[in-house]
Amino acid sequence: MLGIKEIDAASLAELLEARGESVRLLDVRSPEEMAQGMIAGGEALPLHLLPLQLDQFRNERRTLVFYCRSGARSAQACQFLARQGIRAELINLRGGIIDWVRTGQPLAPPTRQAAYA
């Protein structure tokens, strides 16, 4: 998958704890899905808006971790950015927010930004 990495929910929780500011967490679900809760620190970026936001990733130095409901849309986001030549480390949350919750990880209220995504 174009050198894209995958991470499970428990490993993501550890990564966020250890590397916080050097990791950018992006939620590619719809605003309606985000309204049910997000992973704390996640940024709203619905998948259909990703091509319009491409420039913000061109010089990104942080690790980019994408998530969605099950991991399919976030994998598409990673693949799209890799095909566009984005050099940042791209990681997909395998199993998405479903596995995040299933492993007992908490959800945070949606960001104000999510309501307008």
C-alpha atoms as a PDB file:
ATOM      1  CA  MET A   1       0.000   0.000   0.000  1.00  0.00           C
ATOM      2  CA  LEU A   2       2.561   2.593  -1.226  1.00  0.00           C
ATOM      3  CA  GLY A   3       4.643   2.334   1.927  1.00  0.00           C
ATOM      4  CA  ILE A   4       1.742   3.412   4.105  1.00  0.00           C
ATOM      5  CA  LYS A   5       1.848   2.062   7.615  1.00  0.00           C
ATOM      6  CA  GLU A   6      -1.035   0.805   9.702  1.00  0.00           C
ATOM      7  CA  ILE A   7      -1.384   1.044  13.450  1.00  0.00           C
ATOM      8  CA  ASP A   8      -3.809  -0.576  15.867  1.00  0.00           C
ATOM      9  CA  ALA A   9      -5.761   1.340  18.496  1.00  0.00           C
ATOM     10  CA  ALA A  10      -3.576   0.383  21.468  1.00  0.00           C
ATOM     11  CA  SER A  11      -0.397   1.326  19.603  1.00  0.00           C
ATOM     12  CA  LEU A  12      -1.928   4.639  18.522  1.00  0.00           C
ATOM     13  CA  ALA A  13      -2.784   5.476  22.128  1.00  0.00           C
ATOM     14  CA  GLU A  14       0.860   4.801  23.058  1.00  0.00           C
ATOM     15  CA  LEU A  15       2.126   6.855  20.105  1.00  0.00           C
ATOM     16  CA  LEU A  16      -0.051   9.829  21.033  1.00  0.00           C
ATOM     17  CA  GLU A  17       1.128   9.597  24.640  1.00  0.00           C
ATOM     18  CA  ALA A  18       4.802   9.392  23.693  1.00  0.00           C
ATOM     19  CA  ARG A  19       5.006  11.750  20.718  1.00  0.00           C
ATOM     20  CA  GLY A  20       1.953  14.016  21.108  1.00  0.00           C
ATOM     21  CA  GLU A  21       2.992  17.209  19.299  1.00  0.00           C
ATOM     22  CA  SER A  22       4.909  15.384  16.572  1.00  0.00           C
ATOM     23  CA  VAL A  23       1.778  13.484  15.514  1.00  0.00           C
ATOM     24  CA  ARG A  24      -1.102  15.046  13.593  1.00  0.00           C
ATOM     25  CA  LEU A  25      -4.353  13.090  13.956  1.00  0.00           C
ATOM     26  CA  LEU A  26      -6.922  13.566  11.172  1.00  0.00           C
ATOM     27  CA  ASP A  27     -10.538  12.367  11.183  1.00  0.00           C
ATOM     28  CA  VAL A  28     -11.827  11.822   7.635  1.00  0.00           C
ATOM     29  CA  ARG A  29     -15.389  10.874   8.618  1.00  0.00           C
ATOM     30  CA  SER A  30     -18.465  12.963   7.819  1.00  0.00           C
ATOM     31  CA  PRO A  31     -19.515  15.764  10.198  1.00  0.00           C
ATOM     32  CA  GLU A  32     -22.514  13.631  11.198  1.00  0.00           C
ATOM     33  CA  GLU A  33     -20.215  10.798  12.249  1.00  0.00           C
ATOM     34  CA  MET A  34     -17.868  13.184  14.052  1.00  0.00           C
ATOM     35  CA  ALA A  35     -20.805  14.526  16.070  1.00  0.00           C
ATOM     36  CA  GLN A  36     -20.868  11.177  17.895  1.00  0.00           C
ATOM     37  CA  GLY A  37     -17.347  11.751  19.209  1.00  0.00           C
ATOM     38  CA  MET A  38     -13.759  12.009  18.062  1.00  0.00           C
ATOM     39  CA  ILE A  39     -10.386  10.841  19.258  1.00  0.00           C
ATOM     40  CA  ALA A  40      -8.994  13.597  21.482  1.00  0.00           C
ATOM     41  CA  GLY A  41      -6.716  15.886  19.509  1.00  0.00           C
ATOM     42  CA  GLY A  42      -8.187  14.851  16.170  1.00  0.00           C
ATOM     43  CA  GLU A  43      -8.723  17.400  13.419  1.00  0.00           C
ATOM     44  CA  ALA A  44     -11.812  17.272  11.227  1.00  0.00           C
ATOM     45  CA  LEU A  45     -11.040  16.747   7.550  1.00  0.00           C
ATOM     46  CA  PRO A  46     -13.829  14.862   5.767  1.00  0.00           C
ATOM     47  CA  LEU A  47     -12.398  12.708   2.987  1.00  0.00           C
ATOM     48  CA  HIS A  48     -14.153  14.606   0.200  1.00  0.00           C
ATOM     49  CA  LEU A  49     -12.334  17.808   1.255  1.00  0.00           C
ATOM     50  CA  LEU A  50      -8.857  16.264   1.259  1.00  0.00           C
ATOM     51  CA  PRO A  51      -7.974  17.244  -2.345  1.00  0.00           C
ATOM     52  CA  LEU A  52      -8.851  20.862  -1.539  1.00  0.00           C
ATOM     53  CA  GLN A  53      -6.486  20.824   1.448  1.00  0.00           C
ATOM     54  CA  LEU A  54      -3.552  19.158  -0.291  1.00  0.00           C
ATOM     55  CA  ASP A  55      -1.183  22.139  -0.004  1.00  0.00           C
ATOM     56  CA  GLN A  56      -1.232  22.042   3.795  1.00  0.00           C
ATOM     57  CA  PHE A  57       0.483  18.638   3.663  1.00  0.00           C
ATOM     58  CA  ARG A  58       3.276  19.480   1.197  1.00  0.00           C
ATOM     59  CA  ASN A  59       5.832  20.520   3.831  1.00  0.00           C
ATOM     60  CA  GLU A  60       4.386  18.642   6.788  1.00  0.00           C
ATOM     61  CA  ARG A  61       7.079  17.227   9.057  1.00  0.00           C
ATOM     62  CA  ARG A  62       4.826  15.596  11.626  1.00  0.00           C
ATOM     63  CA  THR A  63       3.602  12.018  11.385  1.00  0.00           C
ATOM     64  CA  LEU A  64       0.100  12.026   9.863  1.00  0.00           C
ATOM     65  CA  VAL A  65      -2.331   9.511  11.340  1.00  0.00           C
ATOM     66  CA  PHE A  66      -5.699   9.209   9.617  1.00  0.00           C
ATOM     67  CA  TYR A  67      -8.799   7.531  10.977  1.00  0.00           C
ATOM     68  CA  CYS A  68     -12.421   6.959  10.011  1.00  0.00           C
ATOM     69  CA  ARG A  69     -15.150   4.577  11.152  1.00  0.00           C
ATOM     70  CA  SER A  70     -13.510   1.300  10.105  1.00  0.00           C
ATOM     71  CA  GLY A  71     -10.195   2.167   8.452  1.00  0.00           C
ATOM     72  CA  ALA A  72     -11.251   2.084   4.785  1.00  0.00           C
ATOM     73  CA  ARG A  73     -11.657   5.823   4.104  1.00  0.00           C
ATOM     74  CA  SER A  74      -8.584   6.679   6.131  1.00  0.00           C
ATOM     75  CA  ALA A  75      -6.587   4.174   4.048  1.00  0.00           C
ATOM     76  CA  GLN A  76      -7.872   5.967   0.934  1.00  0.00           C
ATOM     77  CA  ALA A  77      -6.690   9.282   2.409  1.00  0.00           C
ATOM     78  CA  CYS A  78      -3.212   7.865   3.016  1.00  0.00           C
ATOM     79  CA  GLN A  79      -3.057   6.388  -0.491  1.00  0.00           C
ATOM     80  CA  PHE A  80      -4.183   9.674  -2.058  1.00  0.00           C
ATOM     81  CA  LEU A  81      -1.526  11.695  -0.227  1.00  0.00           C
ATOM     82  CA  ALA A  82       1.184   9.162  -1.070  1.00  0.00           C
ATOM     83  CA  ARG A  83       0.232   9.323  -4.767  1.00  0.00           C
ATOM     84  CA  GLN A  84       0.448  13.130  -4.576  1.00  0.00           C
ATOM     85  CA  GLY A  85       4.041  12.854  -3.396  1.00  0.00           C
ATOM     86  CA  ILE A  86       3.470  13.829   0.227  1.00  0.00           C
ATOM     87  CA  ARG A  87       6.629  12.817   2.078  1.00  0.00           C
ATOM     88  CA  ALA A  88       5.323  12.876   5.642  1.00  0.00           C
ATOM     89  CA  GLU A  89       4.995   9.563   7.433  1.00  0.00           C
ATOM     90  CA  LEU A  90       1.441   8.370   6.664  1.00  0.00           C
ATOM     91  CA  ILE A  91      -0.298   6.002   9.064  1.00  0.00           C
ATOM     92  CA  ASN A  92      -3.786   4.502   8.884  1.00  0.00           C
ATOM     93  CA  LEU A  93      -5.648   3.504  12.061  1.00  0.00           C
ATOM     94  CA  ARG A  94      -6.550  -0.122  11.316  1.00  0.00           C
ATOM     95  CA  GLY A  95     -10.135  -0.814  12.373  1.00  0.00           C
ATOM     96  CA  GLY A  96     -10.863   2.891  12.734  1.00  0.00           C
ATOM     97  CA  ILE A  97     -12.752   4.463  15.581  1.00  0.00           C
ATOM     98  CA  ILE A  98     -14.719   1.217  15.994  1.00  0.00           C
ATOM     99  CA  ASP A  99     -11.584  -0.555  17.230  1.00  0.00           C
ATOM    100  CA  TRP A 100     -10.524   2.522  19.211  1.00  0.00           C
ATOM    101  CA  VAL A 101     -13.746   2.291  21.236  1.00  0.00           C
ATOM    102  CA  ARG A 102     -13.692  -1.528  21.340  1.00  0.00           C
ATOM    103  CA  THR A 103     -10.279  -1.441  23.050  1.00  0.00           C
ATOM    104  CA  GLY A 104     -11.603   0.898  25.740  1.00  0.00           C
ATOM    105  CA  GLN A 105     -10.050   4.112  24.466  1.00  0.00           C
ATOM    106  CA  PRO A 106     -12.033   7.291  25.217  1.00  0.00           C
ATOM    107  CA  LEU A 107     -13.860   9.568  22.816  1.00  0.00           C
ATOM    108  CA  ALA A 108     -13.864  13.336  23.104  1.00  0.00           C
ATOM    109  CA  PRO A 109     -16.673  15.716  22.152  1.00  0.00           C
ATOM    110  CA  PRO A 110     -16.378  16.861  18.540  1.00  0.00           C
ATOM    111  CA  THR A 111     -14.336  19.963  17.898  1.00  0.00           C
ATOM    112  CA  ARG A 112     -16.142  23.109  16.834  1.00  0.00           C
ATOM    113  CA  GLN A 113     -14.306  22.713  13.539  1.00  0.00           C
ATOM    114  CA  ALA A 114     -16.048  19.350  12.963  1.00  0.00           C
ATOM    115  CA  ALA A 115     -19.457  21.001  12.854  1.00  0.00           C
ATOM    116  CA  TYR A 116     -18.377  23.084   9.861  1.00  0.00           C
ATOM    117  CA  ALA A 117     -16.422  20.456   7.957  1.00  0.00           C
END
